[in-house]
Amino acid sequence: MDQEAACDPAYGRMDDLLEVLTRSKALHIMLVLDQRGRPMRFTDLKRIVESTSTTVSRRLKELKEHGLIEQVGEDDVSGSYALTDDAKSLSPIFHDLFNWVAARAH
């Protein structure tokens, strides 16, 4: 790899994305929203990802800050969460990762 490619700023942005997605339950939340294909309420996400309110709340906030999810509905307090259009473009990658893991389950 040449020096110019090694210093590409996209590597830093990729590191930032992976740092967010590898936090506890973050990728799971993204996968659930992707698979459901519709907005979901906090309580439903919490139940499905089997985590505490604190963890889910933190991950939702972080994912929102990175433009991966958005709050939809009448108001931000009672709204539901959905993938942003940018995050929806990650869907094929989510499916490939899921299929890769599922194929290796014994």
C-alpha atoms as a PDB file:
ATOM      1  CA  MET A   1       0.000   0.000   0.000  1.00  0.00           C
ATOM      2  CA  ASP A   2       1.448   3.356  -0.952  1.00  0.00           C
ATOM      3  CA  GLN A   3       1.715   6.256   1.501  1.00  0.00           C
ATOM      4  CA  GLU A   4      -1.132   8.209  -0.124  1.00  0.00           C
ATOM      5  CA  ALA A   5      -3.584   5.304   0.228  1.00  0.00           C
ATOM      6  CA  ALA A   6      -2.491   4.685   3.829  1.00  0.00           C
ATOM      7  CA  CYS A   7      -3.307   8.296   4.749  1.00  0.00           C
ATOM      8  CA  ASP A   8      -6.729   8.398   3.091  1.00  0.00           C
ATOM      9  CA  PRO A   9      -9.097  10.208   5.505  1.00  0.00           C
ATOM     10  CA  ALA A  10     -11.722   7.531   4.799  1.00  0.00           C
ATOM     11  CA  TYR A  11      -9.724   5.204   7.083  1.00  0.00           C
ATOM     12  CA  GLY A  12     -10.299   7.544  10.018  1.00  0.00           C
ATOM     13  CA  ARG A  13     -14.017   7.793   9.253  1.00  0.00           C
ATOM     14  CA  MET A  14     -14.166   3.991   8.998  1.00  0.00           C
ATOM     15  CA  ASP A  15     -12.514   3.725  12.416  1.00  0.00           C
ATOM     16  CA  ASP A  16     -15.126   6.132  13.816  1.00  0.00           C
ATOM     17  CA  LEU A  17     -17.981   4.090  12.339  1.00  0.00           C
ATOM     18  CA  LEU A  18     -16.608   0.796  13.617  1.00  0.00           C
ATOM     19  CA  GLU A  19     -16.063   2.292  17.066  1.00  0.00           C
ATOM     20  CA  VAL A  20     -19.772   3.162  17.243  1.00  0.00           C
ATOM     21  CA  LEU A  21     -21.067  -0.077  15.728  1.00  0.00           C
ATOM     22  CA  THR A  22     -18.946  -2.305  17.971  1.00  0.00           C
ATOM     23  CA  ARG A  23     -20.292  -0.855  21.201  1.00  0.00           C
ATOM     24  CA  SER A  24     -22.599  -3.117  23.170  1.00  0.00           C
ATOM     25  CA  LYS A  25     -25.929  -3.631  21.335  1.00  0.00           C
ATOM     26  CA  ALA A  26     -25.304  -0.936  18.682  1.00  0.00           C
ATOM     27  CA  LEU A  27     -25.028  -3.323  15.745  1.00  0.00           C
ATOM     28  CA  HIS A  28     -27.868  -5.424  17.150  1.00  0.00           C
ATOM     29  CA  ILE A  29     -30.124  -2.343  17.193  1.00  0.00           C
ATOM     30  CA  MET A  30     -29.120  -1.538  13.613  1.00  0.00           C
ATOM     31  CA  LEU A  31     -29.787  -5.122  12.494  1.00  0.00           C
ATOM     32  CA  VAL A  32     -33.220  -5.182  14.137  1.00  0.00           C
ATOM     33  CA  LEU A  33     -34.232  -1.881  12.541  1.00  0.00           C
ATOM     34  CA  ASP A  34     -32.940  -3.109   9.196  1.00  0.00           C
ATOM     35  CA  GLN A  35     -34.754  -6.456   9.402  1.00  0.00           C
ATOM     36  CA  ARG A  36     -38.023  -4.916  10.539  1.00  0.00           C
ATOM     37  CA  GLY A  37     -37.890  -2.263   7.833  1.00  0.00           C
ATOM     38  CA  ARG A  38     -40.113   0.083   9.813  1.00  0.00           C
ATOM     39  CA  PRO A  39     -39.787   2.468  12.759  1.00  0.00           C
ATOM     40  CA  MET A  40     -39.759   0.852  16.183  1.00  0.00           C
ATOM     41  CA  ARG A  41     -40.503   2.153  19.643  1.00  0.00           C
ATOM     42  CA  PHE A  42     -37.844   2.226  22.352  1.00  0.00           C
ATOM     43  CA  THR A  43     -39.573  -0.421  24.483  1.00  0.00           C
ATOM     44  CA  ASP A  44     -39.782  -2.833  21.543  1.00  0.00           C
ATOM     45  CA  LEU A  45     -36.110  -2.347  20.682  1.00  0.00           C
ATOM     46  CA  LYS A  46     -35.133  -2.829  24.327  1.00  0.00           C
ATOM     47  CA  ARG A  47     -37.092  -6.073  24.536  1.00  0.00           C
ATOM     48  CA  ILE A  48     -35.741  -7.499  21.270  1.00  0.00           C
ATOM     49  CA  VAL A  49     -32.075  -6.692  21.921  1.00  0.00           C
ATOM     50  CA  GLU A  50     -32.457  -7.859  25.534  1.00  0.00           C
ATOM     51  CA  SER A  51     -30.637  -4.984  27.167  1.00  0.00           C
ATOM     52  CA  THR A  52     -31.080  -2.364  29.843  1.00  0.00           C
ATOM     53  CA  SER A  53     -32.834   0.939  29.241  1.00  0.00           C
ATOM     54  CA  THR A  54     -29.565   2.752  29.920  1.00  0.00           C
ATOM     55  CA  THR A  55     -27.601   0.809  27.309  1.00  0.00           C
ATOM     56  CA  VAL A  56     -30.283   1.078  24.625  1.00  0.00           C
ATOM     57  CA  SER A  57     -30.751   4.781  25.336  1.00  0.00           C
ATOM     58  CA  ARG A  58     -27.002   5.437  25.053  1.00  0.00           C
ATOM     59  CA  ARG A  59     -26.674   3.473  21.823  1.00  0.00           C
ATOM     60  CA  LEU A  60     -29.677   5.211  20.253  1.00  0.00           C
ATOM     61  CA  LYS A  61     -28.185   8.593  21.151  1.00  0.00           C
ATOM     62  CA  GLU A  62     -24.784   7.633  19.692  1.00  0.00           C
ATOM     63  CA  LEU A  63     -26.313   6.183  16.529  1.00  0.00           C
ATOM     64  CA  LYS A  64     -28.378   9.362  16.109  1.00  0.00           C
ATOM     65  CA  GLU A  65     -25.272  11.515  16.548  1.00  0.00           C
ATOM     66  CA  HIS A  66     -23.556   9.558  13.770  1.00  0.00           C
ATOM     67  CA  GLY A  67     -26.520   9.951  11.420  1.00  0.00           C
ATOM     68  CA  LEU A  68     -27.357   6.248  11.386  1.00  0.00           C
ATOM     69  CA  ILE A  69     -30.796   6.391  12.978  1.00  0.00           C
ATOM     70  CA  GLU A  70     -33.434   9.046  13.398  1.00  0.00           C
ATOM     71  CA  GLN A  71     -36.363   9.572  15.677  1.00  0.00           C
ATOM     72  CA  VAL A  72     -39.656   9.677  13.824  1.00  0.00           C
ATOM     73  CA  GLY A  73     -43.167  10.428  14.961  1.00  0.00           C
ATOM     74  CA  GLU A  74     -45.121  13.302  16.439  1.00  0.00           C
ATOM     75  CA  ASP A  75     -42.423  14.358  18.907  1.00  0.00           C
ATOM     76  CA  ASP A  76     -38.936  13.293  19.951  1.00  0.00           C
ATOM     77  CA  VAL A  77     -40.116  12.032  23.350  1.00  0.00           C
ATOM     78  CA  SER A  78     -42.692   9.492  22.208  1.00  0.00           C
ATOM     79  CA  GLY A  79     -41.414   8.860  18.691  1.00  0.00           C
ATOM     80  CA  SER A  80     -40.040   5.691  17.220  1.00  0.00           C
ATOM     81  CA  TYR A  81     -36.606   5.009  15.777  1.00  0.00           C
ATOM     82  CA  ALA A  82     -35.724   4.170  12.184  1.00  0.00           C
ATOM     83  CA  LEU A  83     -32.633   3.846  10.042  1.00  0.00           C
ATOM     84  CA  THR A  84     -31.672   6.955   8.118  1.00  0.00           C
ATOM     85  CA  ASP A  85     -31.485   6.723   4.335  1.00  0.00           C
ATOM     86  CA  ASP A  86     -27.687   6.606   4.610  1.00  0.00           C
ATOM     87  CA  ALA A  87     -27.860   3.723   7.076  1.00  0.00           C
ATOM     88  CA  LYS A  88     -30.327   1.848   4.848  1.00  0.00           C
ATOM     89  CA  SER A  89     -27.593   1.689   2.239  1.00  0.00           C
ATOM     90  CA  LEU A  90     -25.663  -0.528   4.699  1.00  0.00           C
ATOM     91  CA  SER A  91     -28.403  -3.169   4.505  1.00  0.00           C
ATOM     92  CA  PRO A  92     -26.552  -5.474   2.066  1.00  0.00           C
ATOM     93  CA  ILE A  93     -23.517  -5.393   4.362  1.00  0.00           C
ATOM     94  CA  PHE A  94     -25.684  -6.255   7.392  1.00  0.00           C
ATOM     95  CA  HIS A  95     -27.202  -9.188   5.497  1.00  0.00           C
ATOM     96  CA  ASP A  96     -23.791 -10.415   4.345  1.00  0.00           C
ATOM     97  CA  LEU A  97     -22.410 -10.262   7.894  1.00  0.00           C
ATOM     98  CA  PHE A  98     -25.462 -12.035   9.301  1.00  0.00           C
ATOM     99  CA  ASN A  99     -25.295 -14.755   6.620  1.00  0.00           C
ATOM    100  CA  TRP A 100     -21.565 -15.177   7.142  1.00  0.00           C
ATOM    101  CA  VAL A 101     -22.052 -15.719  10.877  1.00  0.00           C
ATOM    102  CA  ALA A 102     -25.081 -17.989  10.381  1.00  0.00           C
ATOM    103  CA  ALA A 103     -23.172 -20.158   7.913  1.00  0.00           C
ATOM    104  CA  ARG A 104     -20.484 -20.790  10.525  1.00  0.00           C
ATOM    105  CA  ALA A 105     -22.869 -21.804  13.327  1.00  0.00           C
ATOM    106  CA  HIS A 106     -22.405 -25.405  14.280  1.00  0.00           C
END
